[in-house]
C-alpha atoms as a PDB file:
ATOM      1  CA  MET A   1       0.000   0.000   0.000  1.00  0.00           C
ATOM      2  CA  LYS A   2       2.900   2.338   0.833  1.00  0.00           C
ATOM      3  CA  ARG A   3       4.380   1.780  -2.608  1.00  0.00           C
ATOM      4  CA  LEU A   4       1.090   2.681  -4.240  1.00  0.00           C
ATOM      5  CA  LEU A   5       0.867   5.897  -2.231  1.00  0.00           C
ATOM      6  CA  LEU A   6       4.402   6.826  -3.347  1.00  0.00           C
ATOM      7  CA  PHE A   7       3.601   5.963  -6.965  1.00  0.00           C
ATOM      8  CA  ILE A   8       0.580   8.293  -7.282  1.00  0.00           C
ATOM      9  CA  PRO A   9       2.486  11.593  -6.746  1.00  0.00           C
ATOM     10  CA  LEU A  10       5.209  10.394  -9.114  1.00  0.00           C
ATOM     11  CA  LEU A  11       2.597   9.597 -11.752  1.00  0.00           C
ATOM     12  CA  VAL A  12       1.017  13.054 -11.312  1.00  0.00           C
ATOM     13  CA  VAL A  13       4.433  14.738 -11.725  1.00  0.00           C
ATOM     14  CA  VAL A  14       5.200  12.735 -14.871  1.00  0.00           C
ATOM     15  CA  ILE A  15       1.820  13.544 -16.443  1.00  0.00           C
ATOM     16  CA  LEU A  16       2.185  17.228 -15.569  1.00  0.00           C
ATOM     17  CA  GLY A  17       5.689  17.235 -17.045  1.00  0.00           C
ATOM     18  CA  VAL A  18       4.475  15.728 -20.319  1.00  0.00           C
ATOM     19  CA  VAL A  19       1.657  18.282 -20.581  1.00  0.00           C
ATOM     20  CA  LEU A  20       3.992  21.210 -19.905  1.00  0.00           C
ATOM     21  CA  PHE A  21       6.665  19.900 -22.269  1.00  0.00           C
ATOM     22  CA  ALA A  22       4.098  19.585 -25.066  1.00  0.00           C
ATOM     23  CA  GLY A  23       3.350  23.317 -24.787  1.00  0.00           C
ATOM     24  CA  ILE A  24       6.965  24.540 -24.750  1.00  0.00           C
ATOM     25  CA  GLY A  25       7.975  26.383 -27.876  1.00  0.00           C
ATOM     26  CA  LYS A  26       4.457  26.961 -29.116  1.00  0.00           C
ATOM     27  CA  ASP A  27       3.548  30.492 -30.102  1.00  0.00           C
ATOM     28  CA  PRO A  28       0.581  31.636 -27.973  1.00  0.00           C
ATOM     29  CA  THR A  29      -0.365  34.154 -30.695  1.00  0.00           C
ATOM     30  CA  ALA A  30      -0.715  31.382 -33.279  1.00  0.00           C
ATOM     31  CA  LEU A  31      -4.147  30.198 -32.239  1.00  0.00           C
ATOM     32  CA  GLU A  32      -5.660  28.151 -34.986  1.00  0.00           C
ATOM     33  CA  SER A  33      -9.016  29.163 -36.348  1.00  0.00           C
ATOM     34  CA  ALA A  34     -11.707  26.796 -37.543  1.00  0.00           C
ATOM     35  CA  LEU A  35     -12.483  29.443 -40.172  1.00  0.00           C
ATOM     36  CA  ILE A  36      -9.202  29.176 -42.088  1.00  0.00           C
ATOM     37  CA  GLY A  37     -10.191  28.346 -45.657  1.00  0.00           C
ATOM     38  CA  LYS A  38     -13.844  29.246 -45.041  1.00  0.00           C
ATOM     39  CA  SER A  39     -15.876  32.341 -45.850  1.00  0.00           C
ATOM     40  CA  VAL A  40     -16.249  35.156 -43.373  1.00  0.00           C
ATOM     41  CA  PRO A  41     -19.374  34.363 -41.339  1.00  0.00           C
ATOM     42  CA  GLU A  42     -22.616  35.968 -42.427  1.00  0.00           C
ATOM     43  CA  PHE A  43     -23.357  39.240 -40.646  1.00  0.00           C
ATOM     44  CA  SER A  44     -25.365  42.400 -41.009  1.00  0.00           C
ATOM     45  CA  LEU A  45     -23.988  45.166 -38.798  1.00  0.00           C
ATOM     46  CA  PRO A  46     -23.845  48.954 -38.948  1.00  0.00           C
ATOM     47  CA  GLU A  47     -20.835  50.931 -40.044  1.00  0.00           C
ATOM     48  CA  LEU A  48     -19.199  52.728 -37.121  1.00  0.00           C
ATOM     49  CA  GLN A  49     -19.084  56.159 -38.762  1.00  0.00           C
ATOM     50  CA  ASN A  50     -22.460  55.883 -40.496  1.00  0.00           C
ATOM     51  CA  PRO A  51     -24.954  53.829 -38.441  1.00  0.00           C
ATOM     52  CA  ASP A  52     -27.536  54.021 -41.232  1.00  0.00           C
ATOM     53  CA  ARG A  53     -25.244  52.005 -43.525  1.00  0.00           C
ATOM     54  CA  THR A  54     -25.397  48.250 -43.019  1.00  0.00           C
ATOM     55  CA  LEU A  55     -22.321  46.172 -43.775  1.00  0.00           C
ATOM     56  CA  ASP A  56     -22.188  42.477 -44.663  1.00  0.00           C
ATOM     57  CA  PRO A  57     -19.533  40.035 -45.922  1.00  0.00           C
ATOM     58  CA  SER A  58     -19.522  41.713 -49.346  1.00  0.00           C
ATOM     59  CA  VAL A  59     -17.275  44.356 -47.765  1.00  0.00           C
ATOM     60  CA  PHE A  60     -14.425  41.847 -48.253  1.00  0.00           C
ATOM     61  CA  ARG A  61     -15.071  41.067 -51.927  1.00  0.00           C
ATOM     62  CA  GLY A  62     -12.594  42.185 -54.567  1.00  0.00           C
ATOM     63  CA  LYS A  63      -9.450  42.958 -52.596  1.00  0.00           C
ATOM     64  CA  VAL A  64      -7.256  41.259 -49.995  1.00  0.00           C
ATOM     65  CA  SER A  65      -7.918  42.865 -46.613  1.00  0.00           C
ATOM     66  CA  LEU A  66      -6.792  42.760 -43.039  1.00  0.00           C
ATOM     67  CA  LEU A  67      -9.714  42.498 -40.626  1.00  0.00           C
ATOM     68  CA  ASN A  68      -8.548  44.081 -37.374  1.00  0.00           C
ATOM     69  CA  VAL A  69     -10.583  43.487 -34.206  1.00  0.00           C
ATOM     70  CA  TRP A  70     -10.160  46.407 -31.791  1.00  0.00           C
ATOM     71  CA  GLY A  71     -11.767  48.332 -28.951  1.00  0.00           C
ATOM     72  CA  THR A  72     -11.040  51.522 -27.044  1.00  0.00           C
ATOM     73  CA  TRP A  73     -10.980  49.454 -23.829  1.00  0.00           C
ATOM     74  CA  CYS A  74      -8.012  47.450 -25.142  1.00  0.00           C
ATOM     75  CA  PRO A  75      -4.512  48.712 -24.189  1.00  0.00           C
ATOM     76  CA  SER A  76      -2.852  46.434 -26.761  1.00  0.00           C
ATOM     77  CA  CYS A  77      -5.065  47.942 -29.476  1.00  0.00           C
ATOM     78  CA  ARG A  78      -3.611  51.341 -28.612  1.00  0.00           C
ATOM     79  CA  GLU A  79      -0.129  49.828 -28.792  1.00  0.00           C
ATOM     80  CA  GLU A  80      -0.652  48.546 -32.346  1.00  0.00           C
ATOM     81  CA  HIS A  81      -2.617  51.536 -33.671  1.00  0.00           C
ATOM     82  CA  ASP A  82       0.348  53.525 -35.024  1.00  0.00           C
ATOM     83  CA  ASP A  83       1.529  50.436 -36.911  1.00  0.00           C
ATOM     84  CA  LEU A  84      -1.921  50.004 -38.455  1.00  0.00           C
ATOM     85  CA  VAL A  85      -1.856  53.634 -39.572  1.00  0.00           C
ATOM     86  CA  TRP A  86       1.605  52.981 -41.073  1.00  0.00           C
ATOM     87  CA  LEU A  87       0.333  49.901 -42.934  1.00  0.00           C
ATOM     88  CA  ALA A  88      -2.662  51.771 -44.341  1.00  0.00           C
ATOM     89  CA  GLU A  89      -0.916  55.029 -45.240  1.00  0.00           C
ATOM     90  CA  ASP A  90       2.617  53.967 -46.170  1.00  0.00           C
ATOM     91  CA  LYS A  91       2.069  50.412 -47.401  1.00  0.00           C
ATOM     92  CA  GLY A  92      -1.381  50.861 -48.966  1.00  0.00           C
ATOM     93  CA  ILE A  93      -2.827  47.891 -47.091  1.00  0.00           C
ATOM     94  CA  ARG A  94      -6.606  47.723 -47.006  1.00  0.00           C
ATOM     95  CA  ILE A  95      -7.723  47.344 -43.401  1.00  0.00           C
ATOM     96  CA  VAL A  96     -11.305  46.739 -42.323  1.00  0.00           C
ATOM     97  CA  GLY A  97     -11.912  47.470 -38.661  1.00  0.00           C
ATOM     98  CA  LEU A  98     -14.173  45.484 -36.371  1.00  0.00           C
ATOM     99  CA  ASN A  99     -14.958  47.698 -33.396  1.00  0.00           C
ATOM    100  CA  TYR A 100     -15.688  45.000 -30.842  1.00  0.00           C
ATOM    101  CA  LYS A 101     -17.895  45.341 -27.732  1.00  0.00           C
ATOM    102  CA  ASP A 102     -17.320  49.087 -27.573  1.00  0.00           C
ATOM    103  CA  ASP A 103     -19.085  52.416 -27.248  1.00  0.00           C
ATOM    104  CA  ARG A 104     -19.658  54.177 -30.581  1.00  0.00           C
ATOM    105  CA  ASP A 105     -18.832  57.685 -29.293  1.00  0.00           C
ATOM    106  CA  LEU A 106     -15.606  56.547 -27.613  1.00  0.00           C
ATOM    107  CA  ALA A 107     -14.565  54.678 -30.765  1.00  0.00           C
ATOM    108  CA  LEU A 108     -15.196  57.715 -32.965  1.00  0.00           C
ATOM    109  CA  GLN A 109     -13.191  59.912 -30.584  1.00  0.00           C
ATOM    110  CA  TRP A 110     -10.347  57.370 -30.620  1.00  0.00           C
ATOM    111  CA  LEU A 111     -10.138  57.425 -34.436  1.00  0.00           C
ATOM    112  CA  GLU A 112     -10.389  61.228 -34.501  1.00  0.00           C
ATOM    113  CA  ARG A 113      -7.549  61.567 -32.009  1.00  0.00           C
ATOM    114  CA  LEU A 114      -5.218  58.756 -33.192  1.00  0.00           C
ATOM    115  CA  GLY A 115      -5.973  58.565 -36.908  1.00  0.00           C
ATOM    116  CA  ASP A 116      -8.163  56.172 -38.837  1.00  0.00           C
ATOM    117  CA  PRO A 117      -6.345  53.333 -40.615  1.00  0.00           C
ATOM    118  CA  TYR A 118      -9.595  51.613 -41.584  1.00  0.00           C
ATOM    119  CA  GLU A 119     -11.172  51.834 -45.012  1.00  0.00           C
ATOM    120  CA  VAL A 120     -14.412  50.930 -43.264  1.00  0.00           C
ATOM    121  CA  THR A 121     -15.235  49.949 -39.687  1.00  0.00           C
ATOM    122  CA  ILE A 122     -17.874  47.413 -38.711  1.00  0.00           C
ATOM    123  CA  PHE A 123     -19.557  48.283 -35.408  1.00  0.00           C
ATOM    124  CA  ASP A 124     -20.137  45.143 -33.305  1.00  0.00           C
ATOM    125  CA  PRO A 125     -21.285  46.384 -29.874  1.00  0.00           C
ATOM    126  CA  GLU A 126     -22.708  43.023 -28.783  1.00  0.00           C
ATOM    127  CA  GLY A 127     -19.775  41.002 -30.138  1.00  0.00           C
ATOM    128  CA  SER A 128     -21.918  38.844 -32.444  1.00  0.00           C
ATOM    129  CA  LEU A 129     -19.497  38.845 -35.394  1.00  0.00           C
ATOM    130  CA  GLY A 130     -16.585  38.531 -33.017  1.00  0.00           C
ATOM    131  CA  PHE A 131     -18.222  35.456 -31.519  1.00  0.00           C
ATOM    132  CA  ASP A 132     -18.792  33.931 -34.968  1.00  0.00           C
ATOM    133  CA  LEU A 133     -15.143  34.580 -35.845  1.00  0.00           C
ATOM    134  CA  GLY A 134     -14.005  32.895 -32.634  1.00  0.00           C
ATOM    135  CA  VAL A 135     -12.461  36.059 -31.214  1.00  0.00           C
ATOM    136  CA  TYR A 136     -10.827  35.507 -27.817  1.00  0.00           C
ATOM    137  CA  GLY A 137     -10.239  39.210 -27.243  1.00  0.00           C
ATOM    138  CA  ALA A 138      -8.638  42.133 -28.910  1.00  0.00           C
ATOM    139  CA  PRO A 139      -6.545  42.723 -30.834  1.00  0.00           C
ATOM    140  CA  GLU A 140      -6.899  39.990 -33.390  1.00  0.00           C
ATOM    141  CA  THR A 141      -6.171  40.377 -37.075  1.00  0.00           C
ATOM    142  CA  TYR A 142      -7.319  38.183 -39.951  1.00  0.00           C
ATOM    143  CA  VAL A 143      -6.178  38.096 -43.560  1.00  0.00           C
ATOM    144  CA  ILE A 144      -9.237  37.866 -45.805  1.00  0.00           C
ATOM    145  CA  ASP A 145      -8.749  37.179 -49.522  1.00  0.00           C
ATOM    146  CA  GLY A 146     -10.634  38.965 -52.299  1.00  0.00           C
ATOM    147  CA  GLN A 147     -13.348  36.294 -52.324  1.00  0.00           C
ATOM    148  CA  GLY A 148     -14.081  36.803 -48.614  1.00  0.00           C
ATOM    149  CA  THR A 149     -12.251  33.687 -47.413  1.00  0.00           C
ATOM    150  CA  VAL A 150     -10.343  33.726 -44.107  1.00  0.00           C
ATOM    151  CA  ARG A 151      -6.717  32.852 -44.853  1.00  0.00           C
ATOM    152  CA  TYR A 152      -4.837  33.633 -41.636  1.00  0.00           C
ATOM    153  CA  ARG A 153      -5.409  34.675 -38.037  1.00  0.00           C
ATOM    154  CA  HIS A 154      -3.031  36.548 -35.758  1.00  0.00           C
ATOM    155  CA  VAL A 155      -3.851  36.972 -32.077  1.00  0.00           C
ATOM    156  CA  GLY A 156      -2.124  39.920 -30.434  1.00  0.00           C
ATOM    157  CA  VAL A 157      -0.480  43.162 -31.449  1.00  0.00           C
ATOM    158  CA  VAL A 158       0.396  43.814 -35.077  1.00  0.00           C
ATOM    159  CA  ASN A 159       3.720  45.597 -35.382  1.00  0.00           C
ATOM    160  CA  GLU A 160       6.331  45.854 -38.112  1.00  0.00           C
ATOM    161  CA  LYS A 161       7.889  42.497 -37.184  1.00  0.00           C
ATOM    162  CA  VAL A 162       4.527  40.686 -37.163  1.00  0.00           C
ATOM    163  CA  TRP A 163       3.681  42.355 -40.469  1.00  0.00           C
ATOM    164  CA  ARG A 164       6.900  41.298 -42.191  1.00  0.00           C
ATOM    165  CA  GLU A 165       7.149  37.783 -40.740  1.00  0.00           C
ATOM    166  CA  HIS A 166       3.519  36.670 -40.662  1.00  0.00           C
ATOM    167  CA  LEU A 167       0.952  38.890 -42.350  1.00  0.00           C
ATOM    168  CA  GLU A 168       2.793  40.270 -45.387  1.00  0.00           C
ATOM    169  CA  PRO A 169       3.657  36.829 -46.848  1.00  0.00           C
ATOM    170  CA  VAL A 170      -0.001  35.774 -46.643  1.00  0.00           C
ATOM    171  CA  VAL A 171      -1.247  39.063 -48.097  1.00  0.00           C
ATOM    172  CA  GLN A 172       1.251  38.790 -50.976  1.00  0.00           C
ATOM    173  CA  ARG A 173       0.291  35.184 -51.641  1.00  0.00           C
ATOM    174  CA  TYR A 174      -3.396  36.011 -52.023  1.00  0.00           C
ATOM    175  CA  ARG A 175      -2.782  39.234 -53.935  1.00  0.00           C
ATOM    176  CA  GLU A 176      -1.020  37.100 -56.502  1.00  0.00           C
ATOM    177  CA  GLY A 177      -4.030  34.802 -56.701  1.00  0.00           C
ATOM    178  CA  ASN A 178      -2.628  31.677 -55.036  1.00  0.00           C
END
C-alpha cells in the first residue's frame, strides 16, 4: 500500500511534465481558427461612422484585406494603432476594422484623435461577429482574400515584425491569386 501511495504523486508529476513539455515552444499568438479556408461568417452590422449604412460580408469582396478586431478598452489595441496607420498610409494595405464590444462615441473619438487606418469599420457592440469569428479578445487580425475567405489569423499586437514575418507573406500570396 505504501508503494502505491508513493507511486501516485510520481505519476502526477510525470503527467504534468508531459503536458507542460508539449506546450513549450508553441507560439501563444498562433491560435488556430476553424475558419481558415472558409468564408467570413454571415453578418449584417452597422458601419461605425455611419450607423444608417449596413455592412455584410460583401465588404471583403474584390481585394485582400486585413480584418482588425479592436476596442477603445483594449490597451494592446492602442499599442498597435500607429503600426496600423503605417500599414494603411505607407504600405497601402486595405484594413477593415471590427470595433468589438465598444461604445460608438468613444470609438469615434479614438479614431479622430489617433488617426483612422480603416477603409471601413464594422460596429459590433454586442460582439456577435466577433463570436462567430471565434475572437478571444482584442486585438486579433485576420487576412481575408478577395473572395471573402479567411486565410490567416493573428492573435495579439500587429507591429512591423509581425507584419513582415507573418501577415505580409499571406497578403502577398493572395494578392497574386494563389
